[in-house]
Amino acid sequence: MAIYYRIDIFVVLKENYLSHMKLLKSIIASFCFVLLLSTGLSAQKFGYVNSTQLLVDMPDVKSADTQLETYQKQLVSKGETMVKNFEQKYQAYMQKANEGVLSKIEMQKEEGGLATEQQNIQKYELEVQQKLMAKREELYKPILAKVQAAIDAVGAEGGYTMIFDTSTGSILHADASEDLTSQIKAKL
């Protein structure tokens, strides 16, 4: 009889353990459901802006474009002068070579000088591109920082979770009432 009594105790303990586990599982499931429900109901606010339109309408951008254009003209002007000088030297060389005035050594020397000058022109072209990129970054960096600050301010004031940029094509749908372009433009 003692053996049956022990088995009955184990059966009762096992049933109690299983019922407690079912209760614990239902509590955990309820907790997870409430957690998911509360996060699903929390309000998230999204807005969008067309940064390209903002930049086009900013006087700072127009001024930066004008400065960049002026700088580019200066650099190109110097390059054009270099090309004209090269062309004149090349024409003079060709005329002397056709007349037979130059010896082979003089021709090689002239060709070497022309090749060096042509390489200098190519180097200058690369230098112009690099200078223009650096100048563009120098001029636009404060403007872009100003736009970003305005976007951040509108986002914080309006309680927006995210603000998308429609000019990059990264949004599929937007309610027109959430277009923040005019508000951000007012901050600029």
Protein backbone atom coordinates (compact mmCIF):
# COMPACT_ATOMS: atom_id res chain seq x y z
CA MET A 1 0.00 0.00 0.00
CA ALA A 2 2.92 2.36 0.63
CA ILE A 3 4.01 1.95 -2.98
CA TYR A 4 0.56 2.92 -4.30
CA TYR A 5 0.51 5.89 -1.93
CA ARG A 6 3.85 7.12 -3.30
CA ILE A 7 2.68 6.67 -6.90
CA ASP A 8 -0.52 8.59 -6.09
CA ILE A 9 1.55 11.43 -4.62
CA PHE A 10 3.68 11.56 -7.76
CA VAL A 11 0.55 11.54 -9.94
CA VAL A 12 -0.95 14.40 -7.90
CA LEU A 13 2.33 16.35 -7.98
CA LYS A 14 2.60 15.80 -11.71
CA GLU A 15 -1.00 17.01 -12.25
CA ASN A 16 -0.35 20.07 -10.07
CA TYR A 17 2.85 20.81 -12.01
CA LEU A 18 1.03 20.48 -15.35
CA SER A 19 -1.83 22.73 -14.23
CA HIS A 20 0.64 25.33 -12.97
CA MET A 21 2.50 25.19 -16.29
CA LYS A 22 -0.78 25.68 -18.19
CA LEU A 23 -1.58 28.67 -15.98
CA LEU A 24 1.92 30.10 -16.49
CA LYS A 25 1.64 29.62 -20.27
CA SER A 26 -1.72 31.38 -20.35
CA ILE A 27 -0.34 34.28 -18.28
CA ILE A 28 2.66 34.63 -20.61
CA ALA A 29 0.41 34.45 -23.68
CA SER A 30 -1.89 37.11 -22.20
CA PHE A 31 1.08 39.33 -21.40
CA CYS A 32 2.43 38.98 -24.95
CA PHE A 33 -0.99 39.75 -26.41
CA VAL A 34 -1.35 42.89 -24.29
CA LEU A 35 2.19 43.96 -25.20
CA LEU A 36 1.56 43.50 -28.93
CA LEU A 37 -1.78 45.25 -28.68
CA SER A 38 -0.31 48.24 -26.86
CA THR A 39 2.56 48.68 -29.31
CA GLY A 40 0.19 48.29 -32.24
CA LEU A 41 -2.10 51.00 -30.92
CA SER A 42 0.63 53.50 -30.09
CA ALA A 43 0.38 56.41 -32.51
CA GLN A 44 3.21 56.80 -34.97
CA LYS A 45 3.18 59.90 -37.09
CA PHE A 46 4.83 60.01 -40.50
CA GLY A 47 5.37 62.91 -42.85
CA TYR A 48 7.08 63.59 -46.12
CA VAL A 49 8.98 66.38 -47.76
CA ASN A 50 10.31 67.10 -51.23
CA SER A 51 13.88 68.21 -50.55
CA THR A 52 14.57 68.97 -54.20
CA GLN A 53 11.73 71.48 -54.24
CA LEU A 54 12.99 72.99 -50.98
CA LEU A 55 16.47 73.43 -52.41
CA VAL A 56 15.21 74.89 -55.70
CA ASP A 57 13.20 77.52 -53.84
CA MET A 58 16.02 78.56 -51.48
CA PRO A 59 17.85 81.81 -52.31
CA ASP A 60 20.99 80.36 -50.70
CA VAL A 61 21.10 77.64 -53.34
CA LYS A 62 20.71 80.15 -56.15
CA SER A 63 23.57 82.18 -54.71
CA ALA A 64 25.73 79.06 -54.34
CA ASP A 65 24.98 78.08 -57.95
CA THR A 66 26.02 81.54 -59.15
CA GLN A 67 29.28 81.39 -57.16
CA LEU A 68 30.00 77.90 -58.46
CA GLU A 69 29.33 78.98 -62.04
CA THR A 70 31.69 81.97 -61.68
CA TYR A 71 34.39 79.77 -60.18
CA GLN A 72 33.96 77.24 -62.97
CA LYS A 73 34.29 79.95 -65.64
CA GLN A 74 37.58 81.10 -64.08
CA LEU A 75 38.98 77.59 -64.08
CA VAL A 76 37.80 76.83 -67.60
CA SER A 77 39.22 80.11 -68.86
CA LYS A 78 42.68 79.12 -67.67
CA GLY A 79 42.27 75.69 -69.30
CA GLU A 80 41.21 77.24 -72.59
CA THR A 81 44.31 79.46 -72.53
CA MET A 82 46.47 76.39 -71.98
CA VAL A 83 44.82 74.63 -74.94
CA LYS A 84 45.24 77.66 -77.24
CA ASN A 85 48.94 77.89 -76.35
CA PHE A 86 49.34 74.18 -77.03
CA GLU A 87 47.58 74.46 -80.39
CA GLN A 88 49.80 77.38 -81.41
CA LYS A 89 52.96 75.48 -80.48
CA TYR A 90 51.67 72.39 -82.30
CA GLN A 91 50.88 74.40 -85.46
CA ALA A 92 54.34 76.01 -85.36
CA TYR A 93 55.94 72.59 -84.89
CA MET A 94 53.95 71.10 -87.81
CA GLN A 95 54.89 73.99 -90.08
CA LYS A 96 58.62 73.62 -89.25
CA ALA A 97 58.40 69.83 -89.64
CA ASN A 98 56.69 70.10 -93.05
CA GLU A 99 59.22 72.64 -94.25
CA GLY A 100 62.02 70.31 -93.20
CA VAL A 101 63.66 72.97 -91.03
CA LEU A 102 63.97 70.68 -87.96
CA SER A 103 66.43 67.87 -87.55
CA LYS A 104 65.29 64.56 -86.05
CA ILE A 105 66.74 65.49 -82.67
CA GLU A 106 64.97 68.87 -82.73
CA MET A 107 61.71 67.15 -83.75
CA GLN A 108 62.00 64.69 -80.87
CA LYS A 109 62.70 67.55 -78.46
CA GLU A 110 59.68 69.52 -79.74
CA GLU A 111 57.44 66.42 -79.60
CA GLY A 112 58.57 65.74 -76.03
CA GLY A 113 57.73 69.31 -75.06
CA LEU A 114 54.31 69.05 -76.72
CA ALA A 115 53.60 65.71 -75.02
CA THR A 116 54.51 67.21 -71.63
CA GLU A 117 52.27 70.19 -72.27
CA GLN A 118 49.41 67.89 -73.29
CA GLN A 119 49.84 65.90 -70.07
CA ASN A 120 49.75 69.14 -68.10
CA ILE A 121 46.46 70.04 -69.78
CA GLN A 122 45.01 66.62 -68.85
CA LYS A 123 46.21 67.02 -65.26
CA TYR A 124 44.62 70.44 -65.12
CA GLU A 125 41.30 69.03 -66.37
CA LEU A 126 41.31 66.54 -63.47
CA GLU A 127 42.33 69.29 -61.08
CA VAL A 128 39.41 71.43 -62.30
CA GLN A 129 36.96 68.59 -61.62
CA GLN A 130 38.35 68.07 -58.13
CA LYS A 131 38.29 71.80 -57.36
CA LEU A 132 34.70 72.08 -58.57
CA MET A 133 33.60 69.15 -56.41
CA ALA A 134 35.36 70.65 -53.38
CA LYS A 135 33.83 74.08 -54.02
CA ARG A 136 30.37 72.55 -54.49
CA GLU A 137 30.70 70.72 -51.16
CA GLU A 138 31.98 73.88 -49.46
CA LEU A 139 29.03 75.93 -50.75
CA TYR A 140 26.28 73.36 -50.23
CA LYS A 141 27.33 71.89 -46.88
CA PRO A 142 25.93 74.78 -44.76
CA ILE A 143 22.77 74.90 -46.89
CA LEU A 144 22.12 71.18 -46.45
CA ALA A 145 22.83 71.48 -42.72
CA LYS A 146 20.27 74.31 -42.53
CA VAL A 147 17.67 72.18 -44.35
CA GLN A 148 18.37 69.21 -42.08
CA ALA A 149 18.01 71.41 -38.98
CA ALA A 150 14.65 72.68 -40.26
CA ILE A 151 13.47 69.13 -40.96
CA ASP A 152 14.58 68.03 -37.48
CA ALA A 153 12.80 71.01 -35.90
CA VAL A 154 9.51 70.34 -37.72
CA GLY A 155 9.82 66.64 -36.88
CA ALA A 156 10.34 67.34 -33.19
CA GLU A 157 7.62 70.03 -32.99
CA GLY A 158 5.08 67.90 -34.85
CA GLY A 159 5.93 64.66 -33.07
CA TYR A 160 6.74 62.86 -36.31
CA THR A 161 8.22 59.40 -36.05
CA MET A 162 9.68 59.61 -39.55
CA ILE A 163 9.78 62.12 -42.38
CA PHE A 164 10.38 60.71 -45.82
CA ASP A 165 11.93 62.46 -48.81
CA THR A 166 9.71 62.07 -51.86
CA SER A 167 12.37 63.41 -54.22
CA THR A 168 14.40 60.23 -53.75
CA GLY A 169 11.44 58.00 -54.61
CA SER A 170 11.60 56.18 -51.27
CA ILE A 171 7.88 56.50 -50.50
CA LEU A 172 4.99 54.64 -52.01
CA HIS A 173 2.04 56.48 -50.50
CA ALA A 174 1.64 59.76 -48.68
CA ASP A 175 -1.40 61.64 -47.46
CA ALA A 176 -1.30 65.19 -48.84
CA SER A 177 -2.20 66.53 -45.40
CA GLU A 178 1.17 65.35 -44.13
CA ASP A 179 3.26 67.25 -46.70
CA LEU A 180 5.69 69.24 -44.57
CA THR A 181 7.46 71.12 -47.38
CA SER A 182 5.71 74.43 -46.64
CA GLN A 183 6.36 74.19 -42.89
CA ILE A 184 10.06 73.46 -43.41
CA LYS A 185 10.30 76.22 -46.03
CA ALA A 186 8.91 78.61 -43.39
CA LYS A 187 11.71 77.58 -41.02
CA LEU A 188 14.31 78.51 -43.62
